[in-house]
Amino acid sequence: QVQLVEAGGGLVQPGGSLRLSCAASGRPFRLYAMFWYRQAPGKQRELVAAITSGGSTDYADSVKGRFIISRDNAKNTVYLQMNSLKPEDTAVYYCKQLDNWGQGTQVTVSS
C-alpha cells in the first residue's frame, strides 16, 4: 500500500530554517507529482508547494521566495526547505501524492 512519512518538523525561532522530508512507498515515485500542504489551527488545509514528475515547481504566494520544494527520485523522497520562517508559518505540514496523505509533521515558529 501507499505510505507517506513526513519528518523534520519542530520548534524554530522567527527567521530560522527547517527542512521537511517525506518518504514515499507503494508507487513508482518518479512518475508522480508531489505536494506539500499545511493546516494551521482553525484554518483550512492549504497547498504550499508542488513539484511535478519532471521537476517543475509552484508555490503559494505566501511562501514564494522563502520555501523550496525538491525531490530525490533515487530516495523516493520529497523535501521542503523552509527559510525565513514566520510565526504565520506555524501549522501541521502534510505531503500528498494523488489521493494519499502523510500523517503530518508539526512546525512551530515562535520566539
N, C-alpha and C. Protein backbone atom coordinates (compact mmCIF):
# COMPACT_ATOMS: atom_id res chain seq x y z
N GLN A 1 0.84 -1.18 0.00
CA GLN A 1 0.00 0.00 0.00
C GLN A 1 0.88 1.24 0.00
N VAL A 2 0.26 2.36 -0.35
CA VAL A 2 0.99 3.62 -0.40
C VAL A 2 1.22 4.14 1.01
N GLN A 3 2.46 4.54 1.27
CA GLN A 3 2.79 5.18 2.55
C GLN A 3 3.57 6.45 2.30
N LEU A 4 3.23 7.48 3.03
CA LEU A 4 3.94 8.75 3.00
C LEU A 4 4.30 9.10 4.44
N VAL A 5 5.59 9.28 4.70
CA VAL A 5 6.04 9.51 6.07
C VAL A 5 6.85 10.80 6.12
N GLU A 6 6.28 11.80 6.79
CA GLU A 6 6.96 13.10 6.91
C GLU A 6 7.88 13.10 8.13
N ALA A 7 8.88 13.95 8.06
CA ALA A 7 9.81 14.16 9.17
C ALA A 7 10.42 15.54 9.05
N GLY A 8 10.99 16.03 10.15
CA GLY A 8 11.74 17.26 10.11
C GLY A 8 11.08 18.46 10.76
N GLY A 9 9.87 18.30 11.26
CA GLY A 9 9.22 19.42 11.91
C GLY A 9 9.86 19.72 13.26
N GLY A 10 9.41 20.81 13.87
CA GLY A 10 9.93 21.17 15.17
C GLY A 10 9.64 22.62 15.50
N LEU A 11 10.31 23.08 16.55
CA LEU A 11 10.18 24.46 17.00
C LEU A 11 11.37 25.27 16.51
N VAL A 12 11.10 26.41 15.90
CA VAL A 12 12.17 27.25 15.37
C VAL A 12 11.80 28.71 15.64
N GLN A 13 12.82 29.52 15.80
CA GLN A 13 12.59 30.95 16.02
C GLN A 13 12.26 31.64 14.71
N PRO A 14 11.55 32.76 14.76
CA PRO A 14 11.31 33.54 13.54
C PRO A 14 12.63 33.87 12.84
N GLY A 15 12.61 33.74 11.53
CA GLY A 15 13.81 33.95 10.74
C GLY A 15 14.64 32.71 10.53
N GLY A 16 14.30 31.64 11.24
CA GLY A 16 15.05 30.40 11.14
C GLY A 16 14.65 29.55 9.96
N SER A 17 15.25 28.37 9.89
CA SER A 17 15.02 27.45 8.77
C SER A 17 14.74 26.05 9.28
N LEU A 18 13.99 25.31 8.48
CA LEU A 18 13.76 23.90 8.71
C LEU A 18 13.69 23.22 7.35
N ARG A 19 14.04 21.93 7.33
CA ARG A 19 13.84 21.14 6.13
C ARG A 19 12.97 19.95 6.47
N LEU A 20 11.84 19.88 5.78
CA LEU A 20 10.94 18.74 5.92
C LEU A 20 11.25 17.71 4.85
N SER A 21 11.02 16.45 5.18
CA SER A 21 11.14 15.39 4.20
C SER A 21 9.90 14.51 4.23
N CYS A 22 9.64 13.87 3.11
CA CYS A 22 8.52 12.95 3.00
C CYS A 22 8.97 11.76 2.18
N ALA A 23 9.08 10.61 2.83
CA ALA A 23 9.48 9.38 2.17
C ALA A 23 8.25 8.64 1.69
N ALA A 24 8.23 8.29 0.41
CA ALA A 24 7.07 7.65 -0.20
C ALA A 24 7.38 6.21 -0.58
N SER A 25 6.37 5.38 -0.50
CA SER A 25 6.49 4.00 -0.95
C SER A 25 5.15 3.53 -1.47
N GLY A 26 5.19 2.46 -2.30
CA GLY A 26 3.96 1.87 -2.79
C GLY A 26 3.63 2.18 -4.22
N ARG A 27 4.28 3.20 -4.78
CA ARG A 27 4.11 3.54 -6.21
C ARG A 27 5.48 3.90 -6.77
N PRO A 28 5.64 3.84 -8.09
CA PRO A 28 6.90 4.31 -8.70
C PRO A 28 7.00 5.82 -8.54
N PHE A 29 7.74 6.24 -7.56
CA PHE A 29 7.78 7.64 -7.09
C PHE A 29 8.03 8.62 -8.23
N ARG A 30 8.94 8.27 -9.12
CA ARG A 30 9.40 9.23 -10.12
C ARG A 30 8.26 9.64 -11.07
N LEU A 31 7.18 8.87 -11.13
CA LEU A 31 6.12 9.13 -12.09
C LEU A 31 5.08 10.14 -11.60
N TYR A 32 5.13 10.50 -10.32
CA TYR A 32 4.03 11.26 -9.74
C TYR A 32 4.45 12.62 -9.22
N ALA A 33 3.56 13.59 -9.42
CA ALA A 33 3.72 14.87 -8.77
C ALA A 33 3.57 14.70 -7.26
N MET A 34 4.24 15.58 -6.53
CA MET A 34 4.18 15.57 -5.07
C MET A 34 3.80 16.96 -4.58
N PHE A 35 3.13 16.99 -3.45
CA PHE A 35 2.60 18.24 -2.93
C PHE A 35 2.87 18.35 -1.43
N TRP A 36 3.10 19.59 -0.99
CA TRP A 36 3.12 19.91 0.44
C TRP A 36 1.93 20.82 0.74
N TYR A 37 1.18 20.45 1.76
CA TYR A 37 0.08 21.25 2.27
C TYR A 37 0.37 21.60 3.73
N ARG A 38 -0.38 22.54 4.25
CA ARG A 38 -0.30 22.82 5.68
C ARG A 38 -1.68 23.21 6.20
N GLN A 39 -1.85 22.98 7.50
CA GLN A 39 -3.10 23.34 8.14
C GLN A 39 -2.80 23.94 9.51
N ALA A 40 -3.15 25.20 9.64
CA ALA A 40 -2.99 25.90 10.91
C ALA A 40 -4.27 25.72 11.74
N PRO A 41 -4.17 25.86 13.06
CA PRO A 41 -5.35 25.70 13.91
C PRO A 41 -6.49 26.62 13.48
N GLY A 42 -7.66 26.04 13.32
CA GLY A 42 -8.83 26.82 12.95
C GLY A 42 -8.90 27.24 11.50
N LYS A 43 -7.97 26.77 10.69
CA LYS A 43 -7.95 27.16 9.28
C LYS A 43 -8.05 25.94 8.39
N GLN A 44 -8.40 26.20 7.13
CA GLN A 44 -8.47 25.11 6.16
C GLN A 44 -7.07 24.70 5.72
N ARG A 45 -6.97 23.45 5.31
CA ARG A 45 -5.70 22.98 4.76
C ARG A 45 -5.45 23.71 3.44
N GLU A 46 -4.20 24.15 3.26
CA GLU A 46 -3.86 24.92 2.06
C GLU A 46 -2.63 24.33 1.37
N LEU A 47 -2.61 24.46 0.06
CA LEU A 47 -1.47 24.00 -0.73
C LEU A 47 -0.32 24.98 -0.56
N VAL A 48 0.85 24.45 -0.25
CA VAL A 48 2.04 25.28 -0.05
C VAL A 48 2.95 25.21 -1.27
N ALA A 49 3.22 24.00 -1.75
CA ALA A 49 4.16 23.84 -2.85
C ALA A 49 3.87 22.54 -3.59
N ALA A 50 4.26 22.52 -4.85
CA ALA A 50 4.05 21.35 -5.70
C ALA A 50 5.26 21.15 -6.58
N ILE A 51 5.53 19.90 -6.90
CA ILE A 51 6.61 19.58 -7.84
C ILE A 51 6.12 18.45 -8.74
N THR A 52 6.27 18.66 -10.05
CA THR A 52 5.81 17.65 -11.00
C THR A 52 6.82 16.52 -11.10
N SER A 53 6.45 15.47 -11.85
CA SER A 53 7.39 14.37 -12.06
C SER A 53 8.62 14.84 -12.81
N GLY A 54 8.47 15.89 -13.62
CA GLY A 54 9.60 16.42 -14.36
C GLY A 54 10.42 17.46 -13.61
N GLY A 55 9.96 17.82 -12.41
CA GLY A 55 10.73 18.74 -11.60
C GLY A 55 10.27 20.19 -11.63
N SER A 56 9.20 20.48 -12.36
CA SER A 56 8.66 21.84 -12.34
C SER A 56 8.01 22.10 -10.98
N THR A 57 8.13 23.34 -10.52
CA THR A 57 7.65 23.66 -9.17
C THR A 57 6.67 24.84 -9.21
N ASP A 58 5.86 24.89 -8.17
CA ASP A 58 4.95 26.01 -7.99
C ASP A 58 4.74 26.22 -6.50
N TYR A 59 4.43 27.46 -6.12
CA TYR A 59 4.34 27.81 -4.71
C TYR A 59 3.14 28.72 -4.43
N ALA A 60 2.64 28.62 -3.22
CA ALA A 60 1.67 29.60 -2.76
C ALA A 60 2.37 30.95 -2.66
N ASP A 61 1.61 32.02 -2.91
CA ASP A 61 2.20 33.36 -2.85
C ASP A 61 2.83 33.64 -1.49
N SER A 62 2.24 33.09 -0.46
CA SER A 62 2.71 33.39 0.90
C SER A 62 4.09 32.82 1.21
N VAL A 63 4.56 31.86 0.40
CA VAL A 63 5.86 31.25 0.68
C VAL A 63 6.87 31.44 -0.45
N LYS A 64 6.46 32.06 -1.55
CA LYS A 64 7.38 32.27 -2.67
C LYS A 64 8.60 33.06 -2.22
N GLY A 65 9.76 32.59 -2.65
CA GLY A 65 11.00 33.24 -2.29
C GLY A 65 11.57 32.80 -0.95
N ARG A 66 10.78 32.02 -0.18
CA ARG A 66 11.25 31.54 1.13
C ARG A 66 11.34 30.02 1.19
N PHE A 67 10.43 29.33 0.52
CA PHE A 67 10.38 27.87 0.57
C PHE A 67 10.85 27.30 -0.77
N ILE A 68 11.47 26.15 -0.70
CA ILE A 68 11.92 25.44 -1.90
C ILE A 68 11.51 23.98 -1.80
N ILE A 69 10.77 23.52 -2.81
CA ILE A 69 10.41 22.10 -2.87
C ILE A 69 11.36 21.41 -3.83
N SER A 70 11.77 20.20 -3.47
CA SER A 70 12.66 19.43 -4.33
C SER A 70 12.36 17.95 -4.14
N ARG A 71 12.90 17.15 -5.04
CA ARG A 71 12.66 15.72 -4.95
C ARG A 71 13.93 14.96 -5.29
N ASP A 72 14.08 13.80 -4.67
CA ASP A 72 15.19 12.90 -4.97
C ASP A 72 14.55 11.57 -5.35
N ASN A 73 14.46 11.30 -6.64
CA ASN A 73 13.78 10.09 -7.10
C ASN A 73 14.53 8.82 -6.70
N ALA A 74 15.83 8.92 -6.52
CA ALA A 74 16.61 7.75 -6.09
C ALA A 74 16.27 7.35 -4.65
N LYS A 75 15.84 8.34 -3.86
CA LYS A 75 15.49 8.08 -2.46
C LYS A 75 13.99 8.06 -2.22
N ASN A 76 13.19 8.23 -3.29
CA ASN A 76 11.73 8.27 -3.16
C ASN A 76 11.29 9.29 -2.12
N THR A 77 11.91 10.45 -2.16
CA THR A 77 11.69 11.45 -1.12
C THR A 77 11.49 12.83 -1.72
N VAL A 78 10.56 13.55 -1.14
CA VAL A 78 10.35 14.96 -1.48
C VAL A 78 10.70 15.79 -0.26
N TYR A 79 11.26 16.97 -0.52
CA TYR A 79 11.72 17.85 0.55
C TYR A 79 11.01 19.20 0.47
N LEU A 80 10.95 19.87 1.60
CA LEU A 80 10.50 21.25 1.63
C LEU A 80 11.49 22.03 2.51
N GLN A 81 12.34 22.81 1.86
CA GLN A 81 13.27 23.68 2.58
C GLN A 81 12.54 24.97 2.90
N MET A 82 12.46 25.29 4.18
CA MET A 82 11.71 26.46 4.62
C MET A 82 12.68 27.45 5.27
N ASN A 83 12.81 28.61 4.67
CA ASN A 83 13.72 29.65 5.16
C ASN A 83 12.94 30.88 5.58
N SER A 84 13.59 31.74 6.34
CA SER A 84 12.97 32.99 6.79
C SER A 84 11.59 32.73 7.37
N LEU A 85 11.51 31.77 8.25
CA LEU A 85 10.21 31.35 8.78
C LEU A 85 9.57 32.45 9.62
N LYS A 86 8.25 32.49 9.53
CA LYS A 86 7.45 33.50 10.23
C LYS A 86 6.46 32.77 11.17
N PRO A 87 5.99 33.45 12.19
CA PRO A 87 5.00 32.82 13.08
C PRO A 87 3.78 32.30 12.32
N GLU A 88 3.40 32.99 11.26
CA GLU A 88 2.23 32.56 10.48
C GLU A 88 2.50 31.29 9.67
N ASP A 89 3.72 30.82 9.64
CA ASP A 89 4.01 29.53 9.01
C ASP A 89 3.72 28.35 9.95
N THR A 90 3.39 28.65 11.19
CA THR A 90 3.08 27.60 12.15
C THR A 90 1.87 26.80 11.69
N ALA A 91 2.04 25.49 11.58
CA ALA A 91 0.98 24.61 11.07
C ALA A 91 1.47 23.17 11.13
N VAL A 92 0.55 22.25 10.88
CA VAL A 92 0.93 20.88 10.59
C VAL A 92 1.12 20.78 9.09
N TYR A 93 2.26 20.25 8.68
CA TYR A 93 2.60 20.14 7.27
C TYR A 93 2.43 18.70 6.82
N TYR A 94 1.76 18.56 5.68
CA TYR A 94 1.45 17.24 5.13
C TYR A 94 2.00 17.10 3.73
N CYS A 95 2.47 15.93 3.37
CA CYS A 95 2.77 15.68 1.96
C CYS A 95 1.64 14.84 1.36
N LYS A 96 1.50 14.95 0.06
CA LYS A 96 0.39 14.30 -0.65
C LYS A 96 0.89 13.78 -1.98
N GLN A 97 0.40 12.61 -2.33
CA GLN A 97 0.63 12.01 -3.64
C GLN A 97 -0.71 11.42 -4.09
N LEU A 98 -1.20 11.88 -5.23
CA LEU A 98 -2.55 11.52 -5.69
C LEU A 98 -3.53 11.77 -4.54
N ASP A 99 -4.25 10.74 -4.09
CA ASP A 99 -5.21 10.96 -3.01
C ASP A 99 -4.71 10.42 -1.67
N ASN A 100 -3.42 10.23 -1.56
CA ASN A 100 -2.83 9.73 -0.32
C ASN A 100 -2.11 10.85 0.42
N TRP A 101 -2.29 10.84 1.76
CA TRP A 101 -1.70 11.84 2.64
C TRP A 101 -0.77 11.17 3.65
N GLY A 102 0.26 11.93 4.03
CA GLY A 102 1.05 11.51 5.18
C GLY A 102 0.36 11.86 6.48
N GLN A 103 1.04 11.54 7.59
CA GLN A 103 0.43 11.76 8.90
C GLN A 103 0.62 13.19 9.39
N GLY A 104 1.51 13.93 8.75
CA GLY A 104 1.76 15.31 9.11
C GLY A 104 2.91 15.47 10.10
N THR A 105 3.53 16.64 10.05
CA THR A 105 4.60 16.99 10.98
C THR A 105 4.39 18.43 11.43
N GLN A 106 4.50 18.66 12.73
CA GLN A 106 4.20 19.97 13.29
C GLN A 106 5.40 20.91 13.11
N VAL A 107 5.11 22.10 12.62
CA VAL A 107 6.10 23.17 12.55
C VAL A 107 5.58 24.33 13.38
N THR A 108 6.38 24.75 14.35
CA THR A 108 6.02 25.87 15.21
C THR A 108 7.11 26.93 15.13
N VAL A 109 6.70 28.13 14.76
CA VAL A 109 7.64 29.25 14.64
C VAL A 109 7.30 30.25 15.75
N SER A 110 8.19 30.33 16.70
CA SER A 110 7.92 31.15 17.87
C SER A 110 9.22 31.51 18.57
N SER A 111 9.23 32.70 19.16
CA SER A 111 10.39 33.11 19.96
C SER A 111 10.17 32.74 21.43
